[in-house]
Amino acid sequence: MITKDMIIGEIMKNYPGADKILMGVGMHCLGCPSSQMETLQDACIVHGLDVNFVLEQLNK
């Protein structure tokens, strides 16, 4: 299960298909250096996304 305190890079590495979901909700900078040290919650804040909605999509 993906949680809001997981690092974006960790999610991408351990959950195949997560990249498509993240891009689909509007997170288009998955390859940037910040993704290797930024939590999902922090990335959602930066992109103006609701972390709970994103988690629902990722954990379906």
PDB file of N, CA and C in Angstrom:
ATOM      1  N   MET A   1       0.836  -1.180   0.000  1.00  0.00           N
ATOM      2  CA  MET A   1       0.000   0.000   0.000  1.00  0.00           C
ATOM      3  C   MET A   1       0.884   1.247   0.000  1.00  0.00           C
ATOM      4  N   ILE A   2       0.525   2.184  -0.849  1.00  0.00           N
ATOM      5  CA  ILE A   2       1.253   3.446  -0.957  1.00  0.00           C
ATOM      6  C   ILE A   2       0.700   4.412   0.080  1.00  0.00           C
ATOM      7  N   THR A   3       1.617   5.121   0.755  1.00  0.00           N
ATOM      8  CA  THR A   3       1.218   6.093   1.768  1.00  0.00           C
ATOM      9  C   THR A   3       1.742   7.477   1.395  1.00  0.00           C
ATOM     10  N   LYS A   4       1.192   8.503   2.038  1.00  0.00           N
ATOM     11  CA  LYS A   4       1.558   9.873   1.708  1.00  0.00           C
ATOM     12  C   LYS A   4       2.985  10.239   2.099  1.00  0.00           C
ATOM     13  N   ASP A   5       3.597   9.474   2.989  1.00  0.00           N
ATOM     14  CA  ASP A   5       4.962   9.796   3.416  1.00  0.00           C
ATOM     15  C   ASP A   5       6.033   9.051   2.623  1.00  0.00           C
ATOM     16  N   MET A   6       5.615   8.313   1.601  1.00  0.00           N
ATOM     17  CA  MET A   6       6.586   7.605   0.748  1.00  0.00           C
ATOM     18  C   MET A   6       7.202   8.583  -0.253  1.00  0.00           C
ATOM     19  N   ILE A   7       8.457   8.332  -0.585  1.00  0.00           N
ATOM     20  CA  ILE A   7       9.184   9.153  -1.554  1.00  0.00           C
ATOM     21  C   ILE A   7       8.702   8.803  -2.969  1.00  0.00           C
ATOM     22  N   ILE A   8       8.526   9.829  -3.799  1.00  0.00           N
ATOM     23  CA  ILE A   8       8.050   9.611  -5.170  1.00  0.00           C
ATOM     24  C   ILE A   8       8.922   8.598  -5.904  1.00  0.00           C
ATOM     25  N   GLY A   9      10.237   8.737  -5.812  1.00  0.00           N
ATOM     26  CA  GLY A   9      11.143   7.805  -6.482  1.00  0.00           C
ATOM     27  C   GLY A   9      10.948   6.374  -6.006  1.00  0.00           C
ATOM     28  N   GLU A  10      10.677   6.199  -4.728  1.00  0.00           N
ATOM     29  CA  GLU A  10      10.432   4.878  -4.145  1.00  0.00           C
ATOM     30  C   GLU A  10       9.128   4.290  -4.701  1.00  0.00           C
ATOM     31  N   ILE A  11       8.123   5.125  -4.817  1.00  0.00           N
ATOM     32  CA  ILE A  11       6.850   4.672  -5.380  1.00  0.00           C
ATOM     33  C   ILE A  11       7.054   4.220  -6.819  1.00  0.00           C
ATOM     34  N   MET A  12       7.763   5.021  -7.597  1.00  0.00           N
ATOM     35  CA  MET A  12       8.003   4.705  -9.009  1.00  0.00           C
ATOM     36  C   MET A  12       8.767   3.385  -9.156  1.00  0.00           C
ATOM     37  N   LYS A  13       9.715   3.159  -8.270  1.00  0.00           N
ATOM     38  CA  LYS A  13      10.552   1.960  -8.339  1.00  0.00           C
ATOM     39  C   LYS A  13       9.788   0.704  -7.927  1.00  0.00           C
ATOM     40  N   ASN A  14       8.958   0.810  -6.904  1.00  0.00           N
ATOM     41  CA  ASN A  14       8.333  -0.375  -6.307  1.00  0.00           C
ATOM     42  C   ASN A  14       6.902  -0.668  -6.748  1.00  0.00           C
ATOM     43  N   TYR A  15       6.285   0.258  -7.456  1.00  0.00           N
ATOM     44  CA  TYR A  15       4.890   0.077  -7.865  1.00  0.00           C
ATOM     45  C   TYR A  15       4.738   0.337  -9.363  1.00  0.00           C
ATOM     46  N   PRO A  16       4.927  -0.706 -10.173  1.00  0.00           N
ATOM     47  CA  PRO A  16       4.790  -0.547 -11.624  1.00  0.00           C
ATOM     48  C   PRO A  16       3.407   0.014 -11.970  1.00  0.00           C
ATOM     49  N   GLY A  17       3.375   0.977 -12.866  1.00  0.00           N
ATOM     50  CA  GLY A  17       2.127   1.597 -13.269  1.00  0.00           C
ATOM     51  C   GLY A  17       1.791   2.862 -12.505  1.00  0.00           C
ATOM     52  N   ALA A  18       2.492   3.098 -11.405  1.00  0.00           N
ATOM     53  CA  ALA A  18       2.226   4.297 -10.606  1.00  0.00           C
ATOM     54  C   ALA A  18       2.524   5.559 -11.411  1.00  0.00           C
ATOM     55  N   ASP A  19       3.514   5.485 -12.293  1.00  0.00           N
ATOM     56  CA  ASP A  19       3.853   6.658 -13.104  1.00  0.00           C
ATOM     57  C   ASP A  19       2.675   7.112 -13.957  1.00  0.00           C
ATOM     58  N   LYS A  20       1.975   6.199 -14.553  1.00  0.00           N
ATOM     59  CA  LYS A  20       0.818   6.543 -15.391  1.00  0.00           C
ATOM     60  C   LYS A  20      -0.285   7.187 -14.555  1.00  0.00           C
ATOM     61  N   ILE A  21      -0.499   6.676 -13.364  1.00  0.00           N
ATOM     62  CA  ILE A  21      -1.526   7.227 -12.478  1.00  0.00           C
ATOM     63  C   ILE A  21      -1.130   8.637 -12.031  1.00  0.00           C
ATOM     64  N   LEU A  22       0.119   8.801 -11.621  1.00  0.00           N
ATOM     65  CA  LEU A  22       0.577  10.111 -11.170  1.00  0.00           C
ATOM     66  C   LEU A  22       0.504  11.136 -12.296  1.00  0.00           C
ATOM     67  N   MET A  23       0.902  10.752 -13.476  1.00  0.00           N
ATOM     68  CA  MET A  23       0.814  11.672 -14.614  1.00  0.00           C
ATOM     69  C   MET A  23      -0.645  11.982 -14.933  1.00  0.00           C
ATOM     70  N   GLY A  24      -1.504  10.991 -14.779  1.00  0.00           N
ATOM     71  CA  GLY A  24      -2.919  11.173 -15.054  1.00  0.00           C
ATOM     72  C   GLY A  24      -3.611  12.155 -14.120  1.00  0.00           C
ATOM     73  N   VAL A  25      -3.102  12.286 -12.912  1.00  0.00           N
ATOM     74  CA  VAL A  25      -3.701  13.231 -11.959  1.00  0.00           C
ATOM     75  C   VAL A  25      -3.027  14.600 -12.013  1.00  0.00           C
ATOM     76  N   GLY A  26      -2.009  14.740 -12.869  1.00  0.00           N
ATOM     77  CA  GLY A  26      -1.394  16.051 -13.056  1.00  0.00           C
ATOM     78  C   GLY A  26       0.006  16.221 -12.525  1.00  0.00           C
ATOM     79  N   MET A  27       0.655  15.147 -12.140  1.00  0.00           N
ATOM     80  CA  MET A  27       2.026  15.225 -11.644  1.00  0.00           C
ATOM     81  C   MET A  27       2.955  14.810 -12.788  1.00  0.00           C
ATOM     82  N   HIS A  28       3.458  15.808 -13.517  1.00  0.00           N
ATOM     83  CA  HIS A  28       4.209  15.538 -14.742  1.00  0.00           C
ATOM     84  C   HIS A  28       5.723  15.637 -14.591  1.00  0.00           C
ATOM     85  N   CYS A  29       6.209  15.809 -13.402  1.00  0.00           N
ATOM     86  CA  CYS A  29       7.660  15.996 -13.223  1.00  0.00           C
ATOM     87  C   CYS A  29       8.297  14.794 -12.526  1.00  0.00           C
ATOM     88  N   LEU A  30       7.876  13.621 -12.897  1.00  0.00           N
ATOM     89  CA  LEU A  30       8.332  12.415 -12.198  1.00  0.00           C
ATOM     90  C   LEU A  30       9.819  12.138 -12.360  1.00  0.00           C
ATOM     91  N   GLY A  31      10.429  12.665 -13.397  1.00  0.00           N
ATOM     92  CA  GLY A  31      11.849  12.424 -13.624  1.00  0.00           C
ATOM     93  C   GLY A  31      12.749  13.491 -13.041  1.00  0.00           C
ATOM     94  N   CYS A  32      12.183  14.508 -12.418  1.00  0.00           N
ATOM     95  CA  CYS A  32      13.019  15.590 -11.892  1.00  0.00           C
ATOM     96  C   CYS A  32      13.771  15.120 -10.645  1.00  0.00           C
ATOM     97  N   PRO A  33      14.895  15.738 -10.350  1.00  0.00           N
ATOM     98  CA  PRO A  33      15.689  15.332  -9.186  1.00  0.00           C
ATOM     99  C   PRO A  33      14.918  15.359  -7.862  1.00  0.00           C
ATOM    100  N   SER A  34      13.957  16.255  -7.738  1.00  0.00           N
ATOM    101  CA  SER A  34      13.186  16.338  -6.489  1.00  0.00           C
ATOM    102  C   SER A  34      12.426  15.060  -6.194  1.00  0.00           C
ATOM    103  N   SER A  35      12.057  14.322  -7.230  1.00  0.00           N
ATOM    104  CA  SER A  35      11.262  13.109  -7.023  1.00  0.00           C
ATOM    105  C   SER A  35      12.030  12.052  -6.230  1.00  0.00           C
ATOM    106  N   GLN A  36      13.339  12.184  -6.153  1.00  0.00           N
ATOM    107  CA  GLN A  36      14.148  11.215  -5.424  1.00  0.00           C
ATOM    108  C   GLN A  36      14.210  11.495  -3.926  1.00  0.00           C
ATOM    109  N   MET A  37      13.677  12.670  -3.514  1.00  0.00           N
ATOM    110  CA  MET A  37      13.715  12.988  -2.085  1.00  0.00           C
ATOM    111  C   MET A  37      12.434  13.645  -1.584  1.00  0.00           C
ATOM    112  N   GLU A  38      11.433  13.745  -2.438  1.00  0.00           N
ATOM    113  CA  GLU A  38      10.185  14.410  -2.079  1.00  0.00           C
ATOM    114  C   GLU A  38       9.101  13.376  -1.779  1.00  0.00           C
ATOM    115  N   THR A  39       8.367  13.573  -0.704  1.00  0.00           N
ATOM    116  CA  THR A  39       7.288  12.647  -0.377  1.00  0.00           C
ATOM    117  C   THR A  39       6.093  12.910  -1.292  1.00  0.00           C
ATOM    118  N   LEU A  40       5.214  11.935  -1.351  1.00  0.00           N
ATOM    119  CA  LEU A  40       4.000  12.102  -2.146  1.00  0.00           C
ATOM    120  C   LEU A  40       3.200  13.297  -1.631  1.00  0.00           C
ATOM    121  N   GLN A  41       3.105  13.435  -0.325  1.00  0.00           N
ATOM    122  CA  GLN A  41       2.356  14.553   0.240  1.00  0.00           C
ATOM    123  C   GLN A  41       2.974  15.889  -0.169  1.00  0.00           C
ATOM    124  N   ASP A  42       4.290  16.007  -0.092  1.00  0.00           N
ATOM    125  CA  ASP A  42       4.956  17.252  -0.478  1.00  0.00           C
ATOM    126  C   ASP A  42       4.740  17.553  -1.960  1.00  0.00           C
ATOM    127  N   ALA A  43       4.835  16.528  -2.795  1.00  0.00           N
ATOM    128  CA  ALA A  43       4.638  16.713  -4.232  1.00  0.00           C
ATOM    129  C   ALA A  43       3.206  17.151  -4.529  1.00  0.00           C
ATOM    130  N   CYS A  44       2.249  16.595  -3.811  1.00  0.00           N
ATOM    131  CA  CYS A  44       0.852  16.984  -4.003  1.00  0.00           C
ATOM    132  C   CYS A  44       0.645  18.446  -3.622  1.00  0.00           C
ATOM    133  N   ILE A  45       1.264  18.872  -2.547  1.00  0.00           N
ATOM    134  CA  ILE A  45       1.155  20.270  -2.120  1.00  0.00           C
ATOM    135  C   ILE A  45       1.717  21.186  -3.206  1.00  0.00           C
ATOM    136  N   VAL A  46       2.900  20.859  -3.705  1.00  0.00           N
ATOM    137  CA  VAL A  46       3.548  21.672  -4.737  1.00  0.00           C
ATOM    138  C   VAL A  46       2.684  21.762  -5.996  1.00  0.00           C
ATOM    139  N   HIS A  47       2.012  20.663  -6.339  1.00  0.00           N
ATOM    140  CA  HIS A  47       1.219  20.621  -7.567  1.00  0.00           C
ATOM    141  C   HIS A  47      -0.254  20.978  -7.354  1.00  0.00           C
ATOM    142  N   GLY A  48      -0.628  21.318  -6.127  1.00  0.00           N
ATOM    143  CA  GLY A  48      -2.006  21.696  -5.845  1.00  0.00           C
ATOM    144  C   GLY A  48      -2.983  20.540  -5.952  1.00  0.00           C
ATOM    145  N   LEU A  49      -2.510  19.336  -5.602  1.00  0.00           N
ATOM    146  CA  LEU A  49      -3.344  18.138  -5.681  1.00  0.00           C
ATOM    147  C   LEU A  49      -3.764  17.681  -4.291  1.00  0.00           C
ATOM    148  N   ASP A  50      -4.917  17.055  -4.220  1.00  0.00           N
ATOM    149  CA  ASP A  50      -5.416  16.486  -2.969  1.00  0.00           C
ATOM    150  C   ASP A  50      -4.739  15.128  -2.752  1.00  0.00           C
ATOM    151  N   VAL A  51      -3.909  15.024  -1.741  1.00  0.00           N
ATOM    152  CA  VAL A  51      -3.143  13.801  -1.497  1.00  0.00           C
ATOM    153  C   VAL A  51      -4.054  12.598  -1.281  1.00  0.00           C
ATOM    154  N   ASN A  52      -5.204  12.806  -0.655  1.00  0.00           N
ATOM    155  CA  ASN A  52      -6.114  11.686  -0.419  1.00  0.00           C
ATOM    156  C   ASN A  52      -6.695  11.154  -1.728  1.00  0.00           C
ATOM    157  N   PHE A  53      -7.016  12.049  -2.664  1.00  0.00           N
ATOM    158  CA  PHE A  53      -7.501  11.631  -3.982  1.00  0.00           C
ATOM    159  C   PHE A  53      -6.410  10.847  -4.711  1.00  0.00           C
ATOM    160  N   VAL A  54      -5.197  11.357  -4.679  1.00  0.00           N
ATOM    161  CA  VAL A  54      -4.080  10.690  -5.357  1.00  0.00           C
ATOM    162  C   VAL A  54      -3.847   9.308  -4.754  1.00  0.00           C
ATOM    163  N   LEU A  55      -3.894   9.212  -3.439  1.00  0.00           N
ATOM    164  CA  LEU A  55      -3.738   7.904  -2.781  1.00  0.00           C
ATOM    165  C   LEU A  55      -4.841   6.925  -3.192  1.00  0.00           C
ATOM    166  N   GLU A  56      -6.068   7.420  -3.287  1.00  0.00           N
ATOM    167  CA  GLU A  56      -7.166   6.549  -3.740  1.00  0.00           C
ATOM    168  C   GLU A  56      -6.871   5.982  -5.117  1.00  0.00           C
ATOM    169  N   GLN A  57      -6.364   6.837  -6.005  1.00  0.00           N
ATOM    170  CA  GLN A  57      -6.074   6.390  -7.368  1.00  0.00           C
ATOM    171  C   GLN A  57      -4.928   5.372  -7.380  1.00  0.00           C
ATOM    172  N   LEU A  58      -3.903   5.635  -6.592  1.00  0.00           N
ATOM    173  CA  LEU A  58      -2.733   4.750  -6.565  1.00  0.00           C
ATOM    174  C   LEU A  58      -3.025   3.401  -5.920  1.00  0.00           C
ATOM    175  N   ASN A  59      -3.899   3.378  -4.944  1.00  0.00           N
ATOM    176  CA  ASN A  59      -4.147   2.154  -4.178  1.00  0.00           C
ATOM    177  C   ASN A  59      -5.389   1.384  -4.605  1.00  0.00           C
ATOM    178  N   LYS A  60      -5.893   1.670  -5.793  1.00  0.00           N
ATOM    179  CA  LYS A  60      -7.065   0.944  -6.305  1.00  0.00           C
ATOM    180  C   LYS A  60      -6.718  -0.494  -6.575  1.00  0.00           C
TER     181      LYS A  60
END
